[in-house]
Amino acid sequence: GMLALAQASGRRFICLLGILIAFDEVDAMSFWGCTLKPGGKYQLKEDSGGDVLHLSQACLHQPQGGKNFLQVIEGSNTYAIACLQKDKSEFASFDLFFKTGSCSFHNKGTSEIHLTGYFEPDGMPDDLEEEESEEEEEEEEE
């Protein structure tokens, strides 16, 4: 319960029992990219490179005429998250997070779409999780 998170200039800080711990997230993040051909699908599998994908951008590659809908398929639900069009809106920026193994991306259109983003770790560093779980066990014993 005594946990606070703050973020500043690419570093994360965790305040644990009044002690401020700083760690660089850069090491844990990794770039991700995907090419979606017209009508193509990409399934975000669990072995894609991380636990949580941060989708940052979709961009048309050698755009053709017509609208290109970028869709996310999660279970039986389909959501359009962007409509890209040559000479009008050829890219879109996102701040969306997807758990690996839970969804796929679909290109409904006539142009290739390039998706980019990065994987970030799911939760906190392992050593901090262990410390917190030990504290919870001590509290339960009281």
Protein backbone atom coordinates (compact mmCIF):
# COMPACT_ATOMS: atom_id res chain seq x y z
CA GLY A 1 0.00 0.00 0.00
CA MET A 2 2.98 2.35 0.47
CA LEU A 3 3.87 2.61 -3.19
CA ALA A 4 3.98 5.70 -5.40
CA LEU A 5 5.07 6.06 -9.03
CA ALA A 6 6.30 9.19 -10.75
CA GLN A 7 7.89 9.70 -14.13
CA ALA A 8 10.28 12.43 -15.25
CA SER A 9 12.57 12.75 -18.27
CA GLY A 10 12.57 9.07 -19.25
CA ARG A 11 13.39 7.80 -15.75
CA ARG A 12 10.94 6.23 -13.39
CA PHE A 13 11.02 6.70 -9.65
CA ILE A 14 9.47 4.39 -7.12
CA CYS A 15 8.94 5.50 -3.56
CA LEU A 16 9.00 2.38 -1.39
CA LEU A 17 8.74 2.85 2.39
CA GLY A 18 10.02 6.41 2.07
CA ILE A 19 13.08 5.44 0.02
CA LEU A 20 13.21 6.91 -3.49
CA ILE A 21 14.54 4.40 -6.01
CA ALA A 22 15.31 5.51 -9.56
CA PHE A 23 15.76 3.14 -12.46
CA ASP A 24 16.14 3.58 -16.19
CA GLU A 25 13.31 2.09 -18.22
CA VAL A 26 15.27 2.45 -21.46
CA ASP A 27 16.99 -0.92 -20.96
CA ALA A 28 13.67 -2.69 -20.54
CA MET A 29 11.90 -1.10 -23.53
CA SER A 30 12.38 -2.43 -27.04
CA PHE A 31 11.34 -1.09 -30.43
CA TRP A 32 8.55 -2.86 -32.31
CA GLY A 33 7.45 -2.52 -35.92
CA CYS A 34 5.03 -4.28 -38.23
CA THR A 35 4.16 -4.07 -41.93
CA LEU A 36 0.47 -4.59 -42.70
CA LYS A 37 -0.19 -5.34 -46.38
CA PRO A 38 -3.58 -4.27 -47.81
CA GLY A 39 -6.16 -6.61 -46.26
CA GLY A 40 -3.45 -8.07 -44.01
CA LYS A 41 -3.62 -9.09 -40.36
CA TYR A 42 -0.95 -9.20 -37.67
CA GLN A 43 -1.56 -11.23 -34.53
CA LEU A 44 0.18 -9.89 -31.43
CA LYS A 45 1.48 -13.19 -30.06
CA GLU A 46 2.82 -13.74 -26.56
CA ASP A 47 6.34 -14.26 -27.93
CA SER A 48 6.29 -10.98 -29.89
CA GLY A 49 8.98 -9.41 -27.71
CA GLY A 50 7.39 -8.22 -24.47
CA ASP A 51 4.34 -8.24 -22.20
CA VAL A 52 2.72 -4.93 -23.13
CA LEU A 53 2.92 -3.21 -26.52
CA HIS A 54 2.70 0.58 -26.63
CA LEU A 55 1.40 1.41 -30.12
CA SER A 56 2.85 4.80 -31.08
CA GLN A 57 2.19 5.37 -34.78
CA ALA A 58 0.59 4.09 -37.97
CA CYS A 59 1.85 5.43 -41.28
CA LEU A 60 0.86 4.79 -44.89
CA HIS A 61 3.66 3.40 -47.06
CA GLN A 62 3.47 4.35 -50.76
CA PRO A 63 -0.20 5.42 -50.35
CA GLN A 64 -2.82 4.60 -52.98
CA GLY A 65 -6.21 6.28 -53.33
CA GLY A 66 -9.05 5.40 -50.94
CA LYS A 67 -9.50 5.08 -47.20
CA ASN A 68 -7.48 2.65 -45.06
CA PHE A 69 -9.04 1.61 -41.78
CA LEU A 70 -6.68 0.29 -39.14
CA GLN A 71 -8.64 -2.07 -36.90
CA VAL A 72 -7.90 -3.85 -33.65
CA ILE A 73 -9.57 -7.24 -33.20
CA GLU A 74 -9.91 -8.37 -29.59
CA GLY A 75 -11.85 -11.59 -29.13
CA SER A 76 -15.11 -11.19 -31.07
CA ASN A 77 -14.90 -7.36 -31.04
CA THR A 78 -13.45 -5.21 -33.82
CA TYR A 79 -12.53 -1.54 -33.29
CA ALA A 80 -11.39 0.99 -35.90
CA ILE A 81 -8.59 3.05 -34.35
CA ALA A 82 -7.56 5.11 -37.42
CA CYS A 83 -8.67 6.03 -40.92
CA LEU A 84 -5.68 6.91 -43.09
CA GLN A 85 -5.98 8.51 -46.52
CA LYS A 86 -3.48 9.63 -49.18
CA ASP A 87 -2.79 13.40 -49.16
CA LYS A 88 -5.22 13.92 -46.22
CA SER A 89 -4.07 11.97 -43.17
CA GLU A 90 -1.16 9.67 -43.99
CA PHE A 91 -0.20 8.91 -40.39
CA ALA A 92 -1.78 8.72 -36.95
CA SER A 93 -0.19 8.90 -33.49
CA PHE A 94 -1.41 6.71 -30.64
CA ASP A 95 -0.96 6.25 -26.93
CA LEU A 96 -2.52 2.79 -26.76
CA PHE A 97 -1.40 -0.26 -24.79
CA PHE A 98 -2.07 -3.86 -25.81
CA LYS A 99 -1.33 -7.00 -23.82
CA THR A 100 0.45 -9.57 -25.98
CA GLY A 101 -1.59 -12.62 -26.91
CA SER A 102 -4.89 -10.73 -26.69
CA CYS A 103 -5.42 -8.99 -30.04
CA SER A 104 -4.55 -8.55 -33.69
CA PHE A 105 -4.31 -5.62 -36.11
CA HIS A 106 -6.12 -5.58 -39.45
CA ASN A 107 -5.59 -3.31 -42.47
CA LYS A 108 -8.90 -2.69 -44.25
CA GLY A 109 -7.67 -0.70 -47.23
CA THR A 110 -5.64 -0.51 -50.43
CA SER A 111 -2.31 0.81 -49.04
CA GLU A 112 0.37 -0.77 -46.89
CA ILE A 113 0.39 0.48 -43.28
CA HIS A 114 3.50 0.50 -41.10
CA LEU A 115 2.88 0.26 -37.35
CA THR A 116 5.53 1.27 -34.83
CA GLY A 117 5.78 1.28 -31.07
CA TYR A 118 7.68 -0.33 -28.24
CA PHE A 119 7.32 -3.06 -25.67
CA GLU A 120 7.44 -2.18 -22.05
CA PRO A 121 7.76 -4.49 -19.06
CA ASP A 122 4.59 -5.67 -17.36
CA GLY A 123 4.71 -4.17 -13.88
CA MET A 124 7.73 -3.38 -11.73
CA PRO A 125 11.25 -4.79 -11.64
CA ASP A 126 11.30 -8.30 -10.12
CA ASP A 127 13.32 -7.39 -7.01
CA LEU A 128 10.78 -4.70 -6.01
CA GLU A 129 7.84 -7.09 -6.49
CA GLU A 130 9.51 -9.59 -4.14
CA GLU A 131 10.04 -6.94 -1.44
CA GLU A 132 6.41 -5.82 -1.67
CA SER A 133 5.02 -9.37 -1.48
CA GLU A 134 7.14 -10.05 1.63
CA GLU A 135 5.69 -6.92 3.28
CA GLU A 136 2.14 -8.02 2.40
CA GLU A 137 2.76 -11.44 3.97
CA GLU A 138 4.04 -9.76 7.18
CA GLU A 139 0.92 -7.56 7.31
CA GLU A 140 -1.37 -10.59 6.86
CA GLU A 141 0.34 -12.42 9.75
CA GLU A 142 -0.36 -9.57 12.21
